Amino acid sequence: ICNYLYELAQKFNSFYSKHKILVDDPLVLEFRVRLASATGTVLKSGLNLLGIDSPERM
């Protein structure tokens, strides 16, 4: 679980540094917001399984 969460965080960070989340195209905006939300949910759930508290916001 630790390795998966670490890799997921790295991949999302790479995506986030290359692509703006808030864009004018509504379809791209919706996809990116949902992707960010889903990534956060998976990271939070995974950390919870490991007994690690996660911040509400970064």
PDB file of N, CA and C in Angstrom:
ATOM      1  N   ILE A   1       0.841  -1.187   0.000  1.00  0.00           N
ATOM      2  CA  ILE A   1       0.000   0.000   0.000  1.00  0.00           C
ATOM      3  C   ILE A   1       0.884   1.248   0.000  1.00  0.00           C
ATOM      4  N   CYS A   2       1.937   1.217   0.806  1.00  0.00           N
ATOM      5  CA  CYS A   2       2.825   2.390   0.889  1.00  0.00           C
ATOM      6  C   CYS A   2       3.416   2.740  -0.473  1.00  0.00           C
ATOM      7  N   ASN A   3       3.938   1.735  -1.161  1.00  0.00           N
ATOM      8  CA  ASN A   3       4.542   1.988  -2.474  1.00  0.00           C
ATOM      9  C   ASN A   3       3.513   2.508  -3.470  1.00  0.00           C
ATOM     10  N   TYR A   4       2.318   1.931  -3.452  1.00  0.00           N
ATOM     11  CA  TYR A   4       1.265   2.381  -4.359  1.00  0.00           C
ATOM     12  C   TYR A   4       0.919   3.845  -4.105  1.00  0.00           C
ATOM     13  N   LEU A   5       0.725   4.212  -2.848  1.00  0.00           N
ATOM     14  CA  LEU A   5       0.370   5.592  -2.514  1.00  0.00           C
ATOM     15  C   LEU A   5       1.492   6.553  -2.894  1.00  0.00           C
ATOM     16  N   TYR A   6       2.723   6.138  -2.667  1.00  0.00           N
ATOM     17  CA  TYR A   6       3.873   6.971  -3.024  1.00  0.00           C
ATOM     18  C   TYR A   6       3.922   7.202  -4.535  1.00  0.00           C
ATOM     19  N   GLU A   7       3.756   6.131  -5.312  1.00  0.00           N
ATOM     20  CA  GLU A   7       3.779   6.250  -6.770  1.00  0.00           C
ATOM     21  C   GLU A   7       2.603   7.076  -7.281  1.00  0.00           C
ATOM     22  N   LEU A   8       1.430   6.881  -6.698  1.00  0.00           N
ATOM     23  CA  LEU A   8       0.260   7.667  -7.094  1.00  0.00           C
ATOM     24  C   LEU A   8       0.503   9.148  -6.833  1.00  0.00           C
ATOM     25  N   ALA A   9       1.034   9.470  -5.676  1.00  0.00           N
ATOM     26  CA  ALA A   9       1.318  10.865  -5.339  1.00  0.00           C
ATOM     27  C   ALA A   9       2.348  11.457  -6.300  1.00  0.00           C
ATOM     28  N   GLN A  10       3.363  10.692  -6.645  1.00  0.00           N
ATOM     29  CA  GLN A  10       4.373  11.167  -7.590  1.00  0.00           C
ATOM     30  C   GLN A  10       3.767  11.417  -8.969  1.00  0.00           C
ATOM     31  N   LYS A  11       2.953  10.476  -9.432  1.00  0.00           N
ATOM     32  CA  LYS A  11       2.349  10.616 -10.760  1.00  0.00           C
ATOM     33  C   LYS A  11       1.384  11.799 -10.810  1.00  0.00           C
ATOM     34  N   PHE A  12       0.595  11.974  -9.764  1.00  0.00           N
ATOM     35  CA  PHE A  12      -0.325  13.110  -9.760  1.00  0.00           C
ATOM     36  C   PHE A  12       0.452  14.416  -9.670  1.00  0.00           C
ATOM     37  N   ASN A  13       1.507  14.453  -8.884  1.00  0.00           N
ATOM     38  CA  ASN A  13       2.326  15.657  -8.780  1.00  0.00           C
ATOM     39  C   ASN A  13       2.932  16.022 -10.136  1.00  0.00           C
ATOM     40  N   SER A  14       3.384  15.027 -10.864  1.00  0.00           N
ATOM     41  CA  SER A  14       3.936  15.259 -12.197  1.00  0.00           C
ATOM     42  C   SER A  14       2.861  15.823 -13.129  1.00  0.00           C
ATOM     43  N   PHE A  15       1.676  15.234 -13.090  1.00  0.00           N
ATOM     44  CA  PHE A  15       0.554  15.722 -13.898  1.00  0.00           C
ATOM     45  C   PHE A  15       0.210  17.156 -13.510  1.00  0.00           C
ATOM     46  N   TYR A  16       0.119  17.411 -12.221  1.00  0.00           N
ATOM     47  CA  TYR A  16      -0.279  18.724 -11.709  1.00  0.00           C
ATOM     48  C   TYR A  16       0.729  19.807 -12.093  1.00  0.00           C
ATOM     49  N   SER A  17       2.005  19.457 -12.111  1.00  0.00           N
ATOM     50  CA  SER A  17       3.028  20.449 -12.456  1.00  0.00           C
ATOM     51  C   SER A  17       3.049  20.762 -13.952  1.00  0.00           C
ATOM     52  N   LYS A  18       2.498  19.866 -14.776  1.00  0.00           N
ATOM     53  CA  LYS A  18       2.497  20.067 -16.228  1.00  0.00           C
ATOM     54  C   LYS A  18       1.188  20.640 -16.761  1.00  0.00           C
ATOM     55  N   HIS A  19       0.095  20.454 -16.029  1.00  0.00           N
ATOM     56  CA  HIS A  19      -1.226  20.832 -16.541  1.00  0.00           C
ATOM     57  C   HIS A  19      -1.981  21.681 -15.525  1.00  0.00           C
ATOM     58  N   LYS A  20      -2.584  22.759 -16.012  1.00  0.00           N
ATOM     59  CA  LYS A  20      -3.451  23.564 -15.159  1.00  0.00           C
ATOM     60  C   LYS A  20      -4.734  22.787 -14.902  1.00  0.00           C
ATOM     61  N   ILE A  21      -5.247  22.878 -13.698  1.00  0.00           N
ATOM     62  CA  ILE A  21      -6.515  22.225 -13.370  1.00  0.00           C
ATOM     63  C   ILE A  21      -7.674  23.101 -13.824  1.00  0.00           C
ATOM     64  N   LEU A  22      -7.584  24.380 -13.523  1.00  0.00           N
ATOM     65  CA  LEU A  22      -8.652  25.321 -13.860  1.00  0.00           C
ATOM     66  C   LEU A  22      -8.405  25.896 -15.248  1.00  0.00           C
ATOM     67  N   VAL A  23      -9.123  25.347 -16.235  1.00  0.00           N
ATOM     68  CA  VAL A  23      -9.001  25.771 -17.630  1.00  0.00           C
ATOM     69  C   VAL A  23     -10.369  26.197 -18.148  1.00  0.00           C
ATOM     70  N   ASP A  24     -10.383  26.810 -19.330  1.00  0.00           N
ATOM     71  CA  ASP A  24     -11.631  27.315 -19.903  1.00  0.00           C
ATOM     72  C   ASP A  24     -12.527  26.215 -20.471  1.00  0.00           C
ATOM     73  N   ASP A  25     -11.943  25.163 -21.015  1.00  0.00           N
ATOM     74  CA  ASP A  25     -12.730  24.080 -21.614  1.00  0.00           C
ATOM     75  C   ASP A  25     -13.472  23.322 -20.513  1.00  0.00           C
ATOM     76  N   PRO A  26     -14.817  23.355 -20.526  1.00  0.00           N
ATOM     77  CA  PRO A  26     -15.569  22.732 -19.428  1.00  0.00           C
ATOM     78  C   PRO A  26     -15.362  21.217 -19.303  1.00  0.00           C
ATOM     79  N   LEU A  27     -15.162  20.520 -20.411  1.00  0.00           N
ATOM     80  CA  LEU A  27     -14.948  19.070 -20.332  1.00  0.00           C
ATOM     81  C   LEU A  27     -13.593  18.746 -19.703  1.00  0.00           C
ATOM     82  N   VAL A  28     -12.579  19.489 -20.099  1.00  0.00           N
ATOM     83  CA  VAL A  28     -11.243  19.286 -19.525  1.00  0.00           C
ATOM     84  C   VAL A  28     -11.255  19.671 -18.052  1.00  0.00           C
ATOM     85  N   LEU A  29     -11.904  20.777 -17.739  1.00  0.00           N
ATOM     86  CA  LEU A  29     -12.021  21.223 -16.348  1.00  0.00           C
ATOM     87  C   LEU A  29     -12.682  20.148 -15.493  1.00  0.00           C
ATOM     88  N   GLU A  30     -13.808  19.618 -15.959  1.00  0.00           N
ATOM     89  CA  GLU A  30     -14.520  18.593 -15.182  1.00  0.00           C
ATOM     90  C   GLU A  30     -13.647  17.362 -14.978  1.00  0.00           C
ATOM     91  N   PHE A  31     -12.973  16.916 -16.045  1.00  0.00           N
ATOM     92  CA  PHE A  31     -12.110  15.747 -15.935  1.00  0.00           C
ATOM     93  C   PHE A  31     -10.996  15.977 -14.909  1.00  0.00           C
ATOM     94  N   ARG A  32     -10.339  17.127 -14.994  1.00  0.00           N
ATOM     95  CA  ARG A  32      -9.199  17.388 -14.116  1.00  0.00           C
ATOM     96  C   ARG A  32      -9.618  17.572 -12.661  1.00  0.00           C
ATOM     97  N   VAL A  33     -10.753  18.200 -12.447  1.00  0.00           N
ATOM     98  CA  VAL A  33     -11.246  18.354 -11.076  1.00  0.00           C
ATOM     99  C   VAL A  33     -11.616  16.989 -10.501  1.00  0.00           C
ATOM    100  N   ARG A  34     -12.279  16.167 -11.310  1.00  0.00           N
ATOM    101  CA  ARG A  34     -12.635  14.819 -10.839  1.00  0.00           C
ATOM    102  C   ARG A  34     -11.398  13.960 -10.604  1.00  0.00           C
ATOM    103  N   LEU A  35     -10.409  14.090 -11.466  1.00  0.00           N
ATOM    104  CA  LEU A  35      -9.161  13.348 -11.290  1.00  0.00           C
ATOM    105  C   LEU A  35      -8.473  13.749  -9.990  1.00  0.00           C
ATOM    106  N   ALA A  36      -8.404  15.047  -9.733  1.00  0.00           N
ATOM    107  CA  ALA A  36      -7.784  15.533  -8.497  1.00  0.00           C
ATOM    108  C   ALA A  36      -8.554  15.044  -7.275  1.00  0.00           C
ATOM    109  N   SER A  37      -9.871  15.093  -7.356  1.00  0.00           N
ATOM    110  CA  SER A  37     -10.703  14.642  -6.237  1.00  0.00           C
ATOM    111  C   SER A  37     -10.535  13.142  -5.987  1.00  0.00           C
ATOM    112  N   ALA A  38     -10.566  12.361  -7.056  1.00  0.00           N
ATOM    113  CA  ALA A  38     -10.417  10.910  -6.919  1.00  0.00           C
ATOM    114  C   ALA A  38      -9.035  10.552  -6.369  1.00  0.00           C
ATOM    115  N   THR A  39      -8.020  11.246  -6.836  1.00  0.00           N
ATOM    116  CA  THR A  39      -6.665  10.999  -6.337  1.00  0.00           C
ATOM    117  C   THR A  39      -6.586  11.300  -4.849  1.00  0.00           C
ATOM    118  N   GLY A  40      -7.171  12.415  -4.442  1.00  0.00           N
ATOM    119  CA  GLY A  40      -7.189  12.766  -3.023  1.00  0.00           C
ATOM    120  C   GLY A  40      -7.922  11.743  -2.186  1.00  0.00           C
ATOM    121  N   THR A  41      -9.041  11.242  -2.707  1.00  0.00           N
ATOM    122  CA  THR A  41      -9.820  10.233  -1.986  1.00  0.00           C
ATOM    123  C   THR A  41      -9.018   8.949  -1.803  1.00  0.00           C
ATOM    124  N   VAL A  42      -8.353   8.510  -2.866  1.00  0.00           N
ATOM    125  CA  VAL A  42      -7.546   7.284  -2.786  1.00  0.00           C
ATOM    126  C   VAL A  42      -6.387   7.468  -1.810  1.00  0.00           C
ATOM    127  N   LEU A  43      -5.705   8.610  -1.891  1.00  0.00           N
ATOM    128  CA  LEU A  43      -4.589   8.854  -0.972  1.00  0.00           C
ATOM    129  C   LEU A  43      -5.070   8.904   0.473  1.00  0.00           C
ATOM    130  N   LYS A  44      -6.166   9.599   0.711  1.00  0.00           N
ATOM    131  CA  LYS A  44      -6.694   9.703   2.075  1.00  0.00           C
ATOM    132  C   LYS A  44      -7.110   8.329   2.606  1.00  0.00           C
ATOM    133  N   SER A  45      -7.801   7.550   1.787  1.00  0.00           N
ATOM    134  CA  SER A  45      -8.239   6.214   2.209  1.00  0.00           C
ATOM    135  C   SER A  45      -7.050   5.298   2.473  1.00  0.00           C
ATOM    136  N   GLY A  46      -6.061   5.355   1.597  1.00  0.00           N
ATOM    137  CA  GLY A  46      -4.874   4.526   1.777  1.00  0.00           C
ATOM    138  C   GLY A  46      -4.110   4.883   3.037  1.00  0.00           C
ATOM    139  N   LEU A  47      -3.941   6.170   3.278  1.00  0.00           N
ATOM    140  CA  LEU A  47      -3.258   6.594   4.500  1.00  0.00           C
ATOM    141  C   LEU A  47      -4.048   6.182   5.734  1.00  0.00           C
ATOM    142  N   ASN A  48      -5.364   6.274   5.649  1.00  0.00           N
ATOM    143  CA  ASN A  48      -6.219   5.852   6.760  1.00  0.00           C
ATOM    144  C   ASN A  48      -6.025   4.362   7.056  1.00  0.00           C
ATOM    145  N   LEU A  49      -5.927   3.539   6.016  1.00  0.00           N
ATOM    146  CA  LEU A  49      -5.682   2.105   6.208  1.00  0.00           C
ATOM    147  C   LEU A  49      -4.365   1.855   6.945  1.00  0.00           C
ATOM    148  N   LEU A  50      -3.412   2.744   6.714  1.00  0.00           N
ATOM    149  CA  LEU A  50      -2.103   2.610   7.361  1.00  0.00           C
ATOM    150  C   LEU A  50      -2.059   3.266   8.737  1.00  0.00           C
ATOM    151  N   GLY A  51      -3.175   3.874   9.140  1.00  0.00           N
ATOM    152  CA  GLY A  51      -3.230   4.527  10.442  1.00  0.00           C
ATOM    153  C   GLY A  51      -2.556   5.891  10.463  1.00  0.00           C
ATOM    154  N   ILE A  52      -2.471   6.523   9.294  1.00  0.00           N
ATOM    155  CA  ILE A  52      -1.812   7.830   9.177  1.00  0.00           C
ATOM    156  C   ILE A  52      -2.872   8.888   8.908  1.00  0.00           C
ATOM    157  N   ASP A  53      -2.874   9.937   9.722  1.00  0.00           N
ATOM    158  CA  ASP A  53      -3.791  11.054   9.491  1.00  0.00           C
ATOM    159  C   ASP A  53      -3.318  11.849   8.283  1.00  0.00           C
ATOM    160  N   SER A  54      -4.271  12.329   7.499  1.00  0.00           N
ATOM    161  CA  SER A  54      -3.918  13.140   6.334  1.00  0.00           C
ATOM    162  C   SER A  54      -4.489  14.540   6.495  1.00  0.00           C
ATOM    163  N   PRO A  55      -3.803  15.531   5.926  1.00  0.00           N
ATOM    164  CA  PRO A  55      -4.315  16.900   6.027  1.00  0.00           C
ATOM    165  C   PRO A  55      -5.582  17.064   5.195  1.00  0.00           C
ATOM    166  N   GLU A  56      -6.454  17.958   5.626  1.00  0.00           N
ATOM    167  CA  GLU A  56      -7.665  18.242   4.857  1.00  0.00           C
ATOM    168  C   GLU A  56      -7.335  19.012   3.587  1.00  0.00           C
ATOM    169  N   ARG A  57      -6.354  19.913   3.678  1.00  0.00           N
ATOM    170  CA  ARG A  57      -5.963  20.734   2.532  1.00  0.00           C
ATOM    171  C   ARG A  57      -4.451  20.810   2.460  1.00  0.00           C
ATOM    172  N   MET A  58      -3.981  21.011   1.262  1.00  0.00           N
ATOM    173  CA  MET A  58      -2.538  21.215   1.047  1.00  0.00           C
ATOM    174  C   MET A  58      -2.337  22.598   0.483  1.00  0.00           C
TER     175      MET A  58
END
